[in-house]
C-alpha cells in the first residue's frame, strides 16, 4: 500500500485484522443507530399511551397484546404500561452504552491505522 509521501507501507496480518475489526464495528454501529432510533420511538409511543390513559375516564380500557385488543382494568394497564416504560428505558440505556463502547474502540483503531498508513487509508464515512 502506497502512502501519501510516496513510500510503501506493508500491510501485515495484524493490520488486516485491525481493518476488518474496524469494518465489523462500523457495521454494528450502524445497526445500533437504527435500534436506538426504534427504541426512542417506542419510548415516545409508551409516553403517549400513558398520557392518553391519564386523559381517559373509563375504568376498563382496551390494551393491545400482540395483535389483539383485550379489555382490562385501568389499574392493571397503568401497571403494565409503567413496566413497559422501565424496560424500554433500560434497553435504550444499554444500546447507548454499547454505542459509546464501539465508538471508543473505533477511535483507538483509527489512531493505530492512521498512525501507520497516514493518507493511504480512509476510515471516514464521507
N, C-alpha and C. Protein backbone atom coordinates (compact mmCIF):
# COMPACT_ATOMS: atom_id res chain seq x y z
N UNK A 1 0.86 -1.17 0.00
CA UNK A 1 0.00 0.00 0.00
C UNK A 1 0.90 1.23 0.00
N UNK A 2 0.63 2.17 -0.90
CA UNK A 2 1.47 3.35 -1.01
C UNK A 2 0.89 4.48 -0.18
N UNK A 3 1.76 5.12 0.61
CA UNK A 3 1.33 6.23 1.44
C UNK A 3 1.40 7.53 0.64
N UNK A 4 0.84 8.58 1.23
CA UNK A 4 0.79 9.88 0.56
C UNK A 4 2.16 10.45 0.25
N UNK A 5 3.19 10.07 1.02
CA UNK A 5 4.52 10.62 0.77
C UNK A 5 5.32 9.78 -0.21
N UNK A 6 4.68 8.78 -0.84
CA UNK A 6 5.34 8.00 -1.87
C UNK A 6 6.01 6.75 -1.36
N UNK A 7 6.06 6.52 -0.05
CA UNK A 7 6.68 5.31 0.48
C UNK A 7 5.63 4.21 0.55
N UNK A 8 6.11 2.99 0.48
CA UNK A 8 5.23 1.83 0.51
C UNK A 8 5.13 1.30 1.93
N UNK A 9 3.90 1.12 2.42
CA UNK A 9 3.68 0.57 3.76
C UNK A 9 3.18 -0.86 3.60
N UNK A 10 3.83 -1.79 4.26
CA UNK A 10 3.42 -3.18 4.22
C UNK A 10 2.19 -3.39 5.10
N UNK A 11 1.22 -4.11 4.58
CA UNK A 11 0.03 -4.44 5.34
C UNK A 11 0.26 -5.81 5.96
N UNK A 12 0.45 -5.83 7.24
CA UNK A 12 0.69 -7.09 7.94
C UNK A 12 -0.64 -7.77 8.25
N UNK A 13 -0.55 -9.03 8.71
CA UNK A 13 -1.74 -9.77 9.09
C UNK A 13 -2.47 -9.04 10.21
N UNK A 14 -1.70 -8.50 11.15
CA UNK A 14 -2.29 -7.75 12.27
C UNK A 14 -3.00 -6.49 11.78
N UNK A 15 -2.41 -5.80 10.82
CA UNK A 15 -3.05 -4.61 10.24
C UNK A 15 -4.37 -4.99 9.59
N UNK A 16 -4.36 -6.10 8.84
CA UNK A 16 -5.58 -6.54 8.17
C UNK A 16 -6.65 -6.91 9.19
N UNK A 17 -6.24 -7.52 10.29
CA UNK A 17 -7.20 -7.86 11.35
C UNK A 17 -7.80 -6.59 11.95
N UNK A 18 -6.98 -5.56 12.14
CA UNK A 18 -7.49 -4.28 12.67
C UNK A 18 -8.45 -3.62 11.70
N UNK A 19 -8.13 -3.69 10.42
CA UNK A 19 -9.02 -3.10 9.39
C UNK A 19 -10.35 -3.85 9.39
N UNK A 20 -10.28 -5.18 9.43
CA UNK A 20 -11.51 -5.98 9.45
C UNK A 20 -12.33 -5.71 10.71
N UNK A 21 -11.66 -5.61 11.83
CA UNK A 21 -12.37 -5.33 13.09
C UNK A 21 -13.05 -3.97 13.02
N UNK A 22 -12.35 -2.98 12.46
CA UNK A 22 -12.95 -1.65 12.31
C UNK A 22 -14.21 -1.74 11.45
N UNK A 23 -14.15 -2.51 10.37
CA UNK A 23 -15.32 -2.67 9.50
C UNK A 23 -16.49 -3.32 10.22
N UNK A 24 -16.21 -4.35 11.01
CA UNK A 24 -17.28 -5.01 11.77
C UNK A 24 -17.88 -4.06 12.80
N UNK A 25 -17.02 -3.30 13.47
CA UNK A 25 -17.51 -2.33 14.46
C UNK A 25 -18.37 -1.25 13.79
N UNK A 26 -17.93 -0.82 12.61
CA UNK A 26 -18.68 0.21 11.88
C UNK A 26 -20.07 -0.32 11.48
N UNK A 27 -20.12 -1.57 11.04
CA UNK A 27 -21.43 -2.17 10.70
C UNK A 27 -22.32 -2.25 11.93
N UNK A 28 -21.75 -2.69 13.05
CA UNK A 28 -22.54 -2.79 14.29
C UNK A 28 -23.01 -1.41 14.74
N UNK A 29 -22.17 -0.39 14.55
CA UNK A 29 -22.55 0.97 14.92
C UNK A 29 -23.79 1.41 14.14
N UNK A 30 -23.82 1.11 12.85
CA UNK A 30 -24.98 1.48 12.04
C UNK A 30 -26.24 0.72 12.49
N UNK A 31 -26.07 -0.56 12.82
CA UNK A 31 -27.21 -1.34 13.33
C UNK A 31 -27.71 -0.74 14.64
N UNK A 32 -26.77 -0.38 15.52
CA UNK A 32 -27.15 0.21 16.80
C UNK A 32 -27.88 1.53 16.63
N UNK A 33 -27.43 2.33 15.70
CA UNK A 33 -28.10 3.61 15.46
C UNK A 33 -29.55 3.40 15.06
N UNK A 34 -29.79 2.38 14.23
CA UNK A 34 -31.18 2.06 13.84
C UNK A 34 -31.97 1.54 15.04
N UNK A 35 -31.35 0.67 15.85
CA UNK A 35 -32.03 0.14 17.02
C UNK A 35 -32.35 1.24 18.03
N UNK A 36 -31.43 2.19 18.19
CA UNK A 36 -31.65 3.30 19.12
C UNK A 36 -32.81 4.16 18.63
N UNK A 37 -32.87 4.39 17.33
CA UNK A 37 -33.97 5.18 16.78
C UNK A 37 -35.31 4.50 17.06
N UNK A 38 -35.36 3.18 16.86
CA UNK A 38 -36.60 2.44 17.11
C UNK A 38 -36.95 2.44 18.60
N UNK A 39 -35.93 2.31 19.45
CA UNK A 39 -36.18 2.31 20.90
C UNK A 39 -36.70 3.66 21.36
N UNK A 40 -36.18 4.74 20.80
CA UNK A 40 -36.67 6.08 21.16
C UNK A 40 -38.12 6.26 20.72
N UNK A 41 -38.45 5.75 19.53
CA UNK A 41 -39.83 5.83 19.05
C UNK A 41 -40.76 5.02 19.96
N UNK A 42 -40.30 3.85 20.40
CA UNK A 42 -41.10 3.02 21.30
C UNK A 42 -41.32 3.74 22.62
N UNK A 43 -40.29 4.40 23.14
CA UNK A 43 -40.43 5.17 24.38
C UNK A 43 -41.46 6.29 24.21
N UNK A 44 -41.39 6.98 23.09
CA UNK A 44 -42.34 8.06 22.83
C UNK A 44 -43.77 7.52 22.74
N UNK A 45 -43.92 6.36 22.08
CA UNK A 45 -45.25 5.76 21.96
C UNK A 45 -45.80 5.36 23.32
N UNK A 46 -44.94 4.82 24.18
CA UNK A 46 -45.37 4.44 25.52
C UNK A 46 -45.76 5.68 26.35
N UNK A 47 -44.99 6.76 26.19
CA UNK A 47 -45.34 8.01 26.88
C UNK A 47 -46.68 8.54 26.39
N UNK A 48 -46.89 8.48 25.07
CA UNK A 48 -48.17 8.93 24.52
C UNK A 48 -49.32 8.08 25.05
N UNK A 49 -49.10 6.77 25.12
CA UNK A 49 -50.14 5.88 25.64
C UNK A 49 -50.44 6.21 27.11
N UNK A 50 -49.40 6.50 27.88
CA UNK A 50 -49.59 6.88 29.28
C UNK A 50 -50.39 8.16 29.40
N UNK A 51 -50.09 9.13 28.55
CA UNK A 51 -50.83 10.39 28.57
C UNK A 51 -52.30 10.19 28.19
N UNK A 52 -52.54 9.34 27.19
CA UNK A 52 -53.91 9.05 26.79
C UNK A 52 -54.67 8.35 27.92
N UNK A 53 -53.97 7.49 28.64
CA UNK A 53 -54.59 6.78 29.75
C UNK A 53 -54.97 7.75 30.87
N UNK A 54 -54.13 8.74 31.10
CA UNK A 54 -54.42 9.76 32.12
C UNK A 54 -55.67 10.54 31.74
N UNK A 55 -55.81 10.84 30.46
CA UNK A 55 -56.96 11.62 30.00
C UNK A 55 -58.24 10.79 29.95
N UNK A 56 -58.12 9.47 29.91
CA UNK A 56 -59.28 8.60 29.83
C UNK A 56 -60.01 8.57 31.17
N UNK A 57 -61.33 8.52 31.11
CA UNK A 57 -62.11 8.45 32.35
C UNK A 57 -62.81 7.10 32.49
N UNK A 58 -62.40 6.12 31.70
CA UNK A 58 -63.00 4.79 31.74
C UNK A 58 -62.29 3.91 32.76
N UNK A 59 -63.07 3.01 33.39
CA UNK A 59 -62.49 2.07 34.36
C UNK A 59 -61.90 0.84 33.67
N UNK A 60 -62.44 0.50 32.51
CA UNK A 60 -61.94 -0.62 31.72
C UNK A 60 -61.49 -0.05 30.38
N UNK A 61 -60.24 -0.34 30.02
CA UNK A 61 -59.70 0.20 28.76
C UNK A 61 -59.22 -0.96 27.89
N UNK A 62 -59.10 -0.67 26.60
CA UNK A 62 -58.57 -1.67 25.67
C UNK A 62 -57.05 -1.60 25.70
N UNK A 63 -56.43 -2.78 25.81
CA UNK A 63 -54.97 -2.88 25.87
C UNK A 63 -54.54 -3.87 24.80
N UNK A 64 -53.59 -3.45 23.96
CA UNK A 64 -53.16 -4.30 22.86
C UNK A 64 -52.10 -5.28 23.35
N UNK A 65 -52.38 -6.56 23.13
CA UNK A 65 -51.43 -7.63 23.44
C UNK A 65 -51.17 -8.35 22.12
N UNK A 66 -50.00 -8.13 21.56
CA UNK A 66 -49.72 -8.68 20.23
C UNK A 66 -50.58 -7.97 19.21
N UNK A 67 -51.44 -8.73 18.54
CA UNK A 67 -52.33 -8.14 17.54
C UNK A 67 -53.77 -8.08 18.02
N UNK A 68 -53.98 -8.40 19.29
CA UNK A 68 -55.34 -8.48 19.84
C UNK A 68 -55.51 -7.40 20.91
N UNK A 69 -56.69 -6.81 20.92
CA UNK A 69 -57.03 -5.86 21.98
C UNK A 69 -57.83 -6.60 23.05
N UNK A 70 -57.45 -6.42 24.30
CA UNK A 70 -58.16 -7.03 25.42
C UNK A 70 -58.68 -5.93 26.32
N UNK A 71 -59.84 -6.14 26.88
CA UNK A 71 -60.39 -5.18 27.85
C UNK A 71 -59.80 -5.51 29.21
N UNK A 72 -59.17 -4.52 29.82
CA UNK A 72 -58.50 -4.73 31.11
C UNK A 72 -58.83 -3.59 32.05
N UNK A 73 -58.78 -3.84 33.34
CA UNK A 73 -58.98 -2.76 34.31
C UNK A 73 -57.89 -1.69 34.16
N UNK A 74 -58.28 -0.48 34.35
CA UNK A 74 -57.37 0.66 34.17
C UNK A 74 -56.11 0.53 35.02
N UNK A 75 -56.25 0.08 36.27
CA UNK A 75 -55.09 -0.04 37.16
C UNK A 75 -54.08 -1.06 36.63
N UNK A 76 -54.58 -2.16 36.09
CA UNK A 76 -53.69 -3.17 35.52
C UNK A 76 -52.94 -2.62 34.31
N UNK A 77 -53.63 -1.86 33.50
CA UNK A 77 -53.00 -1.27 32.32
C UNK A 77 -51.93 -0.26 32.74
N UNK A 78 -52.23 0.54 33.76
CA UNK A 78 -51.24 1.50 34.24
C UNK A 78 -49.98 0.79 34.74
N UNK A 79 -50.17 -0.31 35.47
CA UNK A 79 -49.04 -1.08 35.99
C UNK A 79 -48.22 -1.66 34.84
N UNK A 80 -48.90 -2.27 33.88
CA UNK A 80 -48.20 -2.83 32.72
C UNK A 80 -47.47 -1.76 31.93
N UNK A 81 -48.10 -0.64 31.75
CA UNK A 81 -47.50 0.45 30.99
C UNK A 81 -46.24 0.97 31.67
N UNK A 82 -46.28 1.11 32.98
CA UNK A 82 -45.10 1.56 33.71
C UNK A 82 -43.96 0.55 33.58
N UNK A 83 -44.28 -0.73 33.65
CA UNK A 83 -43.26 -1.76 33.49
C UNK A 83 -42.66 -1.72 32.10
N UNK A 84 -43.51 -1.54 31.11
CA UNK A 84 -43.04 -1.46 29.73
C UNK A 84 -42.14 -0.24 29.53
N UNK A 85 -42.49 0.88 30.17
CA UNK A 85 -41.65 2.09 30.08
C UNK A 85 -40.28 1.84 30.69
N UNK A 86 -40.26 1.19 31.86
CA UNK A 86 -38.99 0.89 32.52
C UNK A 86 -38.13 -0.03 31.65
N UNK A 87 -38.73 -1.06 31.09
CA UNK A 87 -37.99 -1.99 30.24
C UNK A 87 -37.44 -1.29 29.00
N UNK A 88 -38.25 -0.43 28.40
CA UNK A 88 -37.81 0.30 27.21
C UNK A 88 -36.68 1.26 27.54
N UNK A 89 -36.74 1.92 28.69
CA UNK A 89 -35.69 2.84 29.10
C UNK A 89 -34.37 2.09 29.36
N UNK A 90 -34.47 0.91 29.99
CA UNK A 90 -33.27 0.10 30.23
C UNK A 90 -32.65 -0.36 28.92
N UNK A 91 -33.49 -0.77 27.98
CA UNK A 91 -32.99 -1.21 26.68
C UNK A 91 -32.28 -0.07 25.96
N UNK A 92 -32.88 1.11 25.99
CA UNK A 92 -32.27 2.27 25.34
C UNK A 92 -30.93 2.62 25.99
N UNK A 93 -30.88 2.55 27.30
CA UNK A 93 -29.63 2.85 28.01
C UNK A 93 -28.55 1.83 27.64
N UNK A 94 -28.92 0.55 27.56
CA UNK A 94 -27.96 -0.49 27.19
C UNK A 94 -27.43 -0.27 25.77
N UNK A 95 -28.32 0.10 24.85
CA UNK A 95 -27.91 0.37 23.47
C UNK A 95 -26.97 1.57 23.39
N UNK A 96 -27.27 2.62 24.15
CA UNK A 96 -26.41 3.81 24.17
C UNK A 96 -25.03 3.48 24.72
N UNK A 97 -24.98 2.64 25.77
CA UNK A 97 -23.69 2.24 26.33
C UNK A 97 -22.88 1.43 25.33
N UNK A 98 -23.54 0.52 24.62
CA UNK A 98 -22.84 -0.27 23.61
C UNK A 98 -22.32 0.63 22.49
N UNK A 99 -23.10 1.62 22.11
CA UNK A 99 -22.68 2.56 21.07
C UNK A 99 -21.43 3.31 21.51
N UNK A 100 -21.41 3.79 22.74
CA UNK A 100 -20.24 4.51 23.24
C UNK A 100 -19.01 3.61 23.27
N UNK A 101 -19.19 2.36 23.66
CA UNK A 101 -18.08 1.42 23.69
C UNK A 101 -17.52 1.20 22.28
N UNK A 102 -18.39 1.04 21.32
CA UNK A 102 -17.96 0.83 19.94
C UNK A 102 -17.24 2.05 19.41
N UNK A 103 -17.76 3.25 19.70
CA UNK A 103 -17.10 4.47 19.25
C UNK A 103 -15.69 4.59 19.83
N UNK A 104 -15.52 4.20 21.10
CA UNK A 104 -14.20 4.26 21.72
C UNK A 104 -13.25 3.27 21.06
N UNK A 105 -13.73 2.06 20.77
CA UNK A 105 -12.89 1.06 20.11
C UNK A 105 -12.50 1.52 18.70
N UNK A 106 -13.46 2.12 18.00
CA UNK A 106 -13.18 2.61 16.65
C UNK A 106 -12.16 3.75 16.67
N UNK A 107 -12.25 4.61 17.66
CA UNK A 107 -11.29 5.72 17.77
C UNK A 107 -9.89 5.17 18.00
N UNK A 108 -9.76 4.15 18.82
CA UNK A 108 -8.45 3.53 19.09
C UNK A 108 -7.89 2.89 17.81
N UNK A 109 -8.75 2.19 17.08
CA UNK A 109 -8.30 1.57 15.83
C UNK A 109 -7.93 2.62 14.79
N UNK A 110 -8.67 3.72 14.73
CA UNK A 110 -8.32 4.81 13.80
C UNK A 110 -6.94 5.34 14.11
N UNK A 111 -6.68 5.54 15.40
CA UNK A 111 -5.38 6.06 15.82
C UNK A 111 -4.26 5.12 15.36
N UNK A 112 -4.44 3.84 15.57
CA UNK A 112 -3.43 2.85 15.18
C UNK A 112 -3.24 2.83 13.67
N UNK A 113 -4.36 2.74 12.94
CA UNK A 113 -4.28 2.59 11.48
C UNK A 113 -3.80 3.87 10.78
N UNK A 114 -4.31 5.03 11.22
CA UNK A 114 -3.82 6.27 10.62
C UNK A 114 -2.36 6.52 10.99
N UNK A 115 -1.94 6.06 12.16
CA UNK A 115 -0.54 6.20 12.56
C UNK A 115 0.38 5.45 11.63
N UNK A 116 -0.06 4.31 11.15
CA UNK A 116 0.78 3.52 10.26
C UNK A 116 0.60 3.90 8.80
N UNK A 117 -0.63 4.09 8.35
CA UNK A 117 -0.89 4.27 6.92
C UNK A 117 -1.12 5.71 6.49
N UNK A 118 -1.25 6.62 7.42
CA UNK A 118 -1.49 8.04 7.14
C UNK A 118 -2.59 8.25 6.10
N UNK A 119 -2.27 8.84 4.96
CA UNK A 119 -3.28 9.18 3.94
C UNK A 119 -3.64 7.99 3.05
N UNK A 120 -2.95 6.87 3.19
CA UNK A 120 -3.19 5.72 2.33
C UNK A 120 -4.45 4.95 2.71
N UNK A 121 -5.04 5.27 3.85
CA UNK A 121 -6.25 4.58 4.29
C UNK A 121 -7.30 5.61 4.66
N UNK A 122 -8.55 5.30 4.32
CA UNK A 122 -9.63 6.22 4.65
C UNK A 122 -10.65 5.46 5.50
N UNK A 123 -10.81 5.88 6.73
CA UNK A 123 -11.74 5.23 7.65
C UNK A 123 -12.95 6.11 7.94
N UNK A 124 -13.10 7.17 7.20
CA UNK A 124 -14.21 8.10 7.42
C UNK A 124 -15.41 7.72 6.57
N UNK A 125 -16.59 8.10 7.02
CA UNK A 125 -17.85 7.75 6.33
C UNK A 125 -18.08 8.55 5.05
N UNK A 126 -17.62 9.78 4.99
CA UNK A 126 -17.96 10.64 3.84
C UNK A 126 -17.46 9.99 2.62
